[in-house]
Structure formats: structure tokens, C-alpha cells
Amino acid sequence: MDSQQMSVLEAIVKETAEALFQKWANALPEDQRTEENLNNLSKNSIESTYFVVKVFMDKFNSEAEVLKSKD
């Protein structure tokens, strides 16, 4: 994967993490929206997004290998 493709993937992950953070932050009751809680949500959204993307890519690549071997 070249650096341009990686940059596109990184941008997608970043935007997805931001969207997940916003979803979680909006669902958080107003009285719980402290700086500490929002920082934790931000960290968790980034880690969760990377986890989901990695699992997806691993499964996608695994299935692609299976399909290649059937040719």
C-alpha cells in the first residue's frame, strides 16, 4: 500500500472516529459532559475505530485470499 492510499485510509479512520465521538458525546447527559469524560470518549472513539477497521480489513483480506485460492 503506497503512502497516498495510506493517507486516504488514515483520513477515513480519523473522520469515522470523529463521527463516533460526536455520536457518543451527543448521547452523554449534559451533566456528565466534563472535560475528562469528553477526553475519554475521544480516546475510546479512536481506539474503537482502529479496532473495527483492523478486524474488518483482516476478515476482508482473509476472504480475498480464499477467493484467490479458488481460481
Protein backbone atom coordinates (compact mmCIF):
# COMPACT_ATOMS: atom_id res chain seq x y z
CA MET A 1 0.00 0.00 0.00
CA ASP A 2 1.55 3.30 -1.01
CA SER A 3 1.62 6.41 1.16
CA GLN A 4 -1.21 8.10 -0.75
CA GLN A 5 -3.52 5.12 -0.16
CA MET A 6 -2.48 5.01 3.50
CA SER A 7 -3.20 8.73 3.84
CA VAL A 8 -6.69 8.16 2.43
CA LEU A 9 -7.25 5.29 4.86
CA GLU A 10 -5.95 7.37 7.77
CA ALA A 11 -8.26 10.23 6.79
CA ILE A 12 -11.25 7.87 6.66
CA VAL A 13 -10.37 6.42 10.07
CA LYS A 14 -9.95 9.92 11.52
CA GLU A 15 -13.30 11.11 10.16
CA THR A 16 -15.01 7.93 11.37
CA ALA A 17 -13.52 8.29 14.86
CA GLU A 18 -14.69 11.91 14.97
CA ALA A 19 -18.21 10.89 13.95
CA LEU A 20 -18.26 8.15 16.59
CA PHE A 21 -17.04 10.60 19.23
CA GLN A 22 -19.75 13.08 18.26
CA LYS A 23 -22.43 10.37 18.46
CA TRP A 24 -21.26 9.34 21.92
CA ALA A 25 -20.85 12.93 23.12
CA ASN A 26 -24.35 13.83 21.95
CA ALA A 27 -25.77 10.84 23.83
CA LEU A 28 -23.97 11.80 27.04
CA PRO A 29 -26.23 13.59 29.53
CA GLU A 30 -25.37 17.29 29.82
CA ASP A 31 -24.34 16.99 33.48
CA GLN A 32 -21.77 14.32 32.54
CA ARG A 33 -20.09 16.30 29.76
CA THR A 34 -16.95 17.08 31.69
CA GLU A 35 -13.61 17.65 30.02
CA GLU A 36 -12.36 14.36 31.47
CA ASN A 37 -15.36 12.40 30.16
CA LEU A 38 -15.12 14.01 26.72
CA ASN A 39 -11.37 13.28 26.57
CA ASN A 40 -12.06 9.65 27.46
CA LEU A 41 -14.78 9.44 24.81
CA SER A 42 -12.39 10.87 22.24
CA LYS A 43 -9.67 8.37 23.13
CA ASN A 44 -12.15 5.48 23.12
CA SER A 45 -13.62 6.51 19.77
CA ILE A 46 -10.17 6.48 18.16
CA GLU A 47 -9.23 3.12 19.68
CA SER A 48 -12.61 1.61 18.79
CA THR A 49 -12.45 2.85 15.22
CA TYR A 50 -8.96 1.42 14.69
CA PHE A 51 -10.08 -1.88 16.23
CA VAL A 52 -13.14 -2.16 13.97
CA VAL A 53 -11.21 -1.19 10.84
CA LYS A 54 -8.43 -3.68 11.65
CA VAL A 55 -10.90 -6.52 12.26
CA PHE A 56 -12.76 -5.63 9.04
CA MET A 57 -9.56 -5.46 6.99
CA ASP A 58 -8.26 -8.76 8.43
CA LYS A 59 -11.53 -10.53 7.62
CA PHE A 60 -11.76 -8.88 4.19
CA ASN A 61 -8.19 -9.88 3.32
CA SER A 62 -8.76 -13.40 4.61
CA GLU A 63 -11.83 -13.83 2.42
CA ALA A 64 -9.96 -12.34 -0.55
CA GLU A 65 -7.25 -14.98 -0.10
CA VAL A 66 -9.89 -17.72 -0.01
CA LEU A 67 -11.39 -16.40 -3.25
CA LYS A 68 -7.94 -16.17 -4.88
CA SER A 69 -7.17 -19.77 -3.98
CA LYS A 70 -10.37 -20.94 -5.69
CA ASP A 71 -9.21 -19.58 -9.07
